[in-house]
Every structure is written in C-alpha cells, then in structure tokens.
C-alpha atoms as a PDB file:
ATOM      1  CA  UNK A   1      11.953  -5.102  14.689  1.00  0.00           C
ATOM      2  CA  UNK A   2       9.642  -2.963  12.612  1.00  0.00           C
ATOM      3  CA  UNK A   3       5.919  -2.477  13.197  1.00  0.00           C
ATOM      4  CA  UNK A   4       3.639  -1.369  10.380  1.00  0.00           C
ATOM      5  CA  UNK A   5       0.263   0.118  11.221  1.00  0.00           C
ATOM      6  CA  UNK A   6      -2.213   0.472   8.351  1.00  0.00           C
ATOM      7  CA  UNK A   7      -5.434   2.414   8.176  1.00  0.00           C
ATOM      8  CA  UNK A   8      -7.884   3.784   5.643  1.00  0.00           C
ATOM      9  CA  UNK A   9      -9.660   0.798   4.135  1.00  0.00           C
ATOM     10  CA  UNK A  10     -13.412   0.576   3.744  1.00  0.00           C
ATOM     11  CA  UNK A  11     -16.356   0.290   1.422  1.00  0.00           C
ATOM     12  CA  UNK A  12     -16.605   2.540  -1.606  1.00  0.00           C
ATOM     13  CA  UNK A  13     -18.662   2.652  -4.776  1.00  0.00           C
ATOM     14  CA  UNK A  14     -17.083   2.147  -8.181  1.00  0.00           C
ATOM     15  CA  UNK A  15     -15.416   5.360  -9.297  1.00  0.00           C
ATOM     16  CA  UNK A  16     -14.803   6.438  -5.735  1.00  0.00           C
ATOM     17  CA  UNK A  17     -11.587   7.086  -3.848  1.00  0.00           C
ATOM     18  CA  UNK A  18      -9.829   5.869  -0.741  1.00  0.00           C
ATOM     19  CA  UNK A  19      -6.485   6.692   0.834  1.00  0.00           C
ATOM     20  CA  UNK A  20      -4.551   4.050   2.723  1.00  0.00           C
ATOM     21  CA  UNK A  21      -1.905   4.961   5.267  1.00  0.00           C
ATOM     22  CA  UNK A  22       0.951   2.928   6.705  1.00  0.00           C
ATOM     23  CA  UNK A  23       3.080   4.166   9.569  1.00  0.00           C
ATOM     24  CA  UNK A  24       6.325   2.365  10.351  1.00  0.00           C
ATOM     25  CA  UNK A  25       7.948   2.339  13.741  1.00  0.00           C
ATOM     26  CA  UNK A  26      10.899   0.584  15.275  1.00  0.00           C
ATOM     27  CA  UNK A  27      14.516   0.241  14.135  1.00  0.00           C
ATOM     28  CA  UNK A  28      14.482   1.695  10.638  1.00  0.00           C
ATOM     29  CA  UNK A  29      17.616   2.018   8.547  1.00  0.00           C
ATOM     30  CA  UNK A  30      18.177   4.516   5.694  1.00  0.00           C
ATOM     31  CA  UNK A  31      17.462   3.293   2.207  1.00  0.00           C
ATOM     32  CA  UNK A  32      14.302   1.307   2.966  1.00  0.00           C
ATOM     33  CA  UNK A  33      11.664   0.508   0.354  1.00  0.00           C
ATOM     34  CA  UNK A  34       7.969   0.537   1.054  1.00  0.00           C
ATOM     35  CA  UNK A  35       5.363  -1.390  -0.923  1.00  0.00           C
ATOM     36  CA  UNK A  36       1.671  -1.957  -1.122  1.00  0.00           C
ATOM     37  CA  UNK A  37       0.460  -5.469  -1.957  1.00  0.00           C
ATOM     38  CA  UNK A  38      -3.063  -6.760  -2.252  1.00  0.00           C
ATOM     39  CA  UNK A  39      -4.732 -10.135  -2.146  1.00  0.00           C
ATOM     40  CA  UNK A  40      -8.202 -10.762  -3.541  1.00  0.00           C
ATOM     41  CA  UNK A  41     -10.217 -13.855  -2.523  1.00  0.00           C
ATOM     42  CA  UNK A  42      -8.905 -16.937  -4.276  1.00  0.00           C
ATOM     43  CA  UNK A  43      -5.962 -15.073  -5.823  1.00  0.00           C
ATOM     44  CA  UNK A  44      -2.281 -14.752  -5.053  1.00  0.00           C
ATOM     45  CA  UNK A  45      -0.921 -11.715  -3.322  1.00  0.00           C
ATOM     46  CA  UNK A  46       0.276  -9.148  -5.893  1.00  0.00           C
ATOM     47  CA  UNK A  47       2.542  -6.153  -5.716  1.00  0.00           C
ATOM     48  CA  UNK A  48       0.536  -2.977  -6.405  1.00  0.00           C
ATOM     49  CA  UNK A  49       2.992  -0.133  -5.890  1.00  0.00           C
ATOM     50  CA  UNK A  50       6.505   0.544  -4.584  1.00  0.00           C
ATOM     51  CA  UNK A  51       8.220   3.643  -3.277  1.00  0.00           C
ATOM     52  CA  UNK A  52      11.979   3.289  -3.536  1.00  0.00           C
ATOM     53  CA  UNK A  53      14.391   5.023  -1.227  1.00  0.00           C
ATOM     54  CA  UNK A  54      15.392   7.582  -3.849  1.00  0.00           C
ATOM     55  CA  UNK A  55      11.773   8.527  -4.543  1.00  0.00           C
ATOM     56  CA  UNK A  56      11.158   6.599  -7.722  1.00  0.00           C
ATOM     57  CA  UNK A  57       8.008   4.546  -7.928  1.00  0.00           C
ATOM     58  CA  UNK A  58       6.606   1.404  -9.520  1.00  0.00           C
ATOM     59  CA  UNK A  59       2.980   0.520 -10.269  1.00  0.00           C
ATOM     60  CA  UNK A  60       1.414  -2.645 -11.573  1.00  0.00           C
ATOM     61  CA  UNK A  61      -0.211  -1.970 -14.940  1.00  0.00           C
ATOM     62  CA  UNK A  62      -3.750  -2.413 -13.662  1.00  0.00           C
ATOM     63  CA  UNK A  63      -3.508   0.614 -11.336  1.00  0.00           C
ATOM     64  CA  UNK A  64      -1.347   2.986 -13.360  1.00  0.00           C
ATOM     65  CA  UNK A  65      -3.000   6.403 -13.649  1.00  0.00           C
ATOM     66  CA  UNK A  66      -5.422   5.643 -10.830  1.00  0.00           C
ATOM     67  CA  UNK A  67      -3.248   4.933  -7.756  1.00  0.00           C
ATOM     68  CA  UNK A  68      -0.534   7.126  -6.326  1.00  0.00           C
ATOM     69  CA  UNK A  69       2.046   6.075  -3.739  1.00  0.00           C
ATOM     70  CA  UNK A  70       3.686   8.737  -1.640  1.00  0.00           C
ATOM     71  CA  UNK A  71       5.875   8.927   1.438  1.00  0.00           C
ATOM     72  CA  UNK A  72       6.575  11.321   4.269  1.00  0.00           C
ATOM     73  CA  UNK A  73      10.126  10.399   5.212  1.00  0.00           C
ATOM     74  CA  UNK A  74      10.181  12.315   8.488  1.00  0.00           C
ATOM     75  CA  UNK A  75       7.225  10.282   9.693  1.00  0.00           C
ATOM     76  CA  UNK A  76       8.221   6.949   8.060  1.00  0.00           C
ATOM     77  CA  UNK A  77       4.710   6.908   6.634  1.00  0.00           C
ATOM     78  CA  UNK A  78       3.619   5.778   3.195  1.00  0.00           C
ATOM     79  CA  UNK A  79       0.279   6.487   1.555  1.00  0.00           C
ATOM     80  CA  UNK A  80      -1.661   4.900  -1.272  1.00  0.00           C
ATOM     81  CA  UNK A  81      -4.184   7.255  -2.883  1.00  0.00           C
ATOM     82  CA  UNK A  82      -6.638   5.159  -4.852  1.00  0.00           C
ATOM     83  CA  UNK A  83      -8.916   6.940  -7.316  1.00  0.00           C
ATOM     84  CA  UNK A  84     -11.360   5.710  -9.948  1.00  0.00           C
ATOM     85  CA  UNK A  85     -11.717   2.494  -7.993  1.00  0.00           C
ATOM     86  CA  UNK A  86     -13.061  -0.563  -9.805  1.00  0.00           C
ATOM     87  CA  UNK A  87     -14.808  -3.697  -8.637  1.00  0.00           C
ATOM     88  CA  UNK A  88     -11.657  -5.670  -9.292  1.00  0.00           C
ATOM     89  CA  UNK A  89      -9.702  -3.527  -6.818  1.00  0.00           C
ATOM     90  CA  UNK A  90     -11.517  -5.301  -4.009  1.00  0.00           C
ATOM     91  CA  UNK A  91      -8.901  -7.007  -1.847  1.00  0.00           C
ATOM     92  CA  UNK A  92      -7.044  -6.929   1.411  1.00  0.00           C
ATOM     93  CA  UNK A  93      -4.258  -4.402   1.051  1.00  0.00           C
ATOM     94  CA  UNK A  94      -0.984  -4.932   2.871  1.00  0.00           C
ATOM     95  CA  UNK A  95       1.772  -2.479   3.570  1.00  0.00           C
ATOM     96  CA  UNK A  96       5.273  -3.928   3.475  1.00  0.00           C
ATOM     97  CA  UNK A  97       8.746  -2.592   4.174  1.00  0.00           C
ATOM     98  CA  UNK A  98      12.124  -3.880   3.050  1.00  0.00           C
ATOM     99  CA  UNK A  99      14.475  -2.599   5.691  1.00  0.00           C
ATOM    100  CA  UNK A 100      18.122  -3.638   5.876  1.00  0.00           C
ATOM    101  CA  UNK A 101      17.352  -6.844   4.051  1.00  0.00           C
ATOM    102  CA  UNK A 102      14.388  -7.798   6.217  1.00  0.00           C
ATOM    103  CA  UNK A 103      10.788  -7.650   5.017  1.00  0.00           C
ATOM    104  CA  UNK A 104       8.051  -6.686   7.420  1.00  0.00           C
ATOM    105  CA  UNK A 105       4.270  -6.750   6.856  1.00  0.00           C
ATOM    106  CA  UNK A 106       1.286  -4.872   8.151  1.00  0.00           C
ATOM    107  CA  UNK A 107      -1.853  -6.618   9.302  1.00  0.00           C
ATOM    108  CA  UNK A 108      -3.819  -5.733   6.183  1.00  0.00           C
ATOM    109  CA  UNK A 109      -6.814  -3.527   5.553  1.00  0.00           C
ATOM    110  CA  UNK A 110      -9.936  -4.486   3.626  1.00  0.00           C
ATOM    111  CA  UNK A 111     -10.892  -2.440   0.569  1.00  0.00           C
ATOM    112  CA  UNK A 112     -14.274  -3.303  -0.891  1.00  0.00           C
ATOM    113  CA  UNK A 113     -15.528  -1.698  -4.085  1.00  0.00           C
ATOM    114  CA  UNK A 114     -19.217  -2.368  -4.549  1.00  0.00           C
ATOM    115  CA  UNK A 115     -22.336  -0.690  -5.802  1.00  0.00           C
END
C-alpha cells in the first residue's frame, strides 16, 4: 500500500507561480514513476508531467516551458513547479505513482488561476 500526500494548491493570478508537492509513503519499490495529472471541470483527467525512474521527464505540450517536475529520491517526494500560470491551468491536480505495477493516487489539490 502506498499513500500519497499532496500540498501546495491555491488561488493565484495569471502569470503567477505555485509549487505542488507530493510525498509518498508505504511499501515503495525501486524503479517507480511519478506523475501529475489534472482535471478541469467538465473535462477528462489529463497527464501533465511524468518523472521516470531514470530521471527523464515528460510534459504535455500545453505546459512545456512553464512547468517543471522534480523529485527528491531520498524523500520519495515529487514536486511540480508551475510558472506563468494561465486561466486554463485551473483544475484539480492529482499526484500519481506507478509502483511495482500498481497505480496509486493522491487526494487532489485545487489550483485556481483567476484575476
């Protein structure tokens, strides 16, 4: 069992920044992948960014150059630095881990970009 605890969401103006954190605890195997997804009202959940076990990353096109995913392995913690936020980034953001073939989800944190 893996538990994911997210923090860092909130209200920010367009052009602002937020940093999301996700701390994983429980039985964690080497080689796990951590992802950030988001779901806006009325839309499907979409993959935003991935940190692979080897350190490579993936970003959806809409956030490239604005969001940065990073990980502190010793703490099993992943971060999502979000800069130059836009209105369309408003969503509930979910941390997710693929660990030994099992996907776990965090509870979600609301990010609202509004003037």
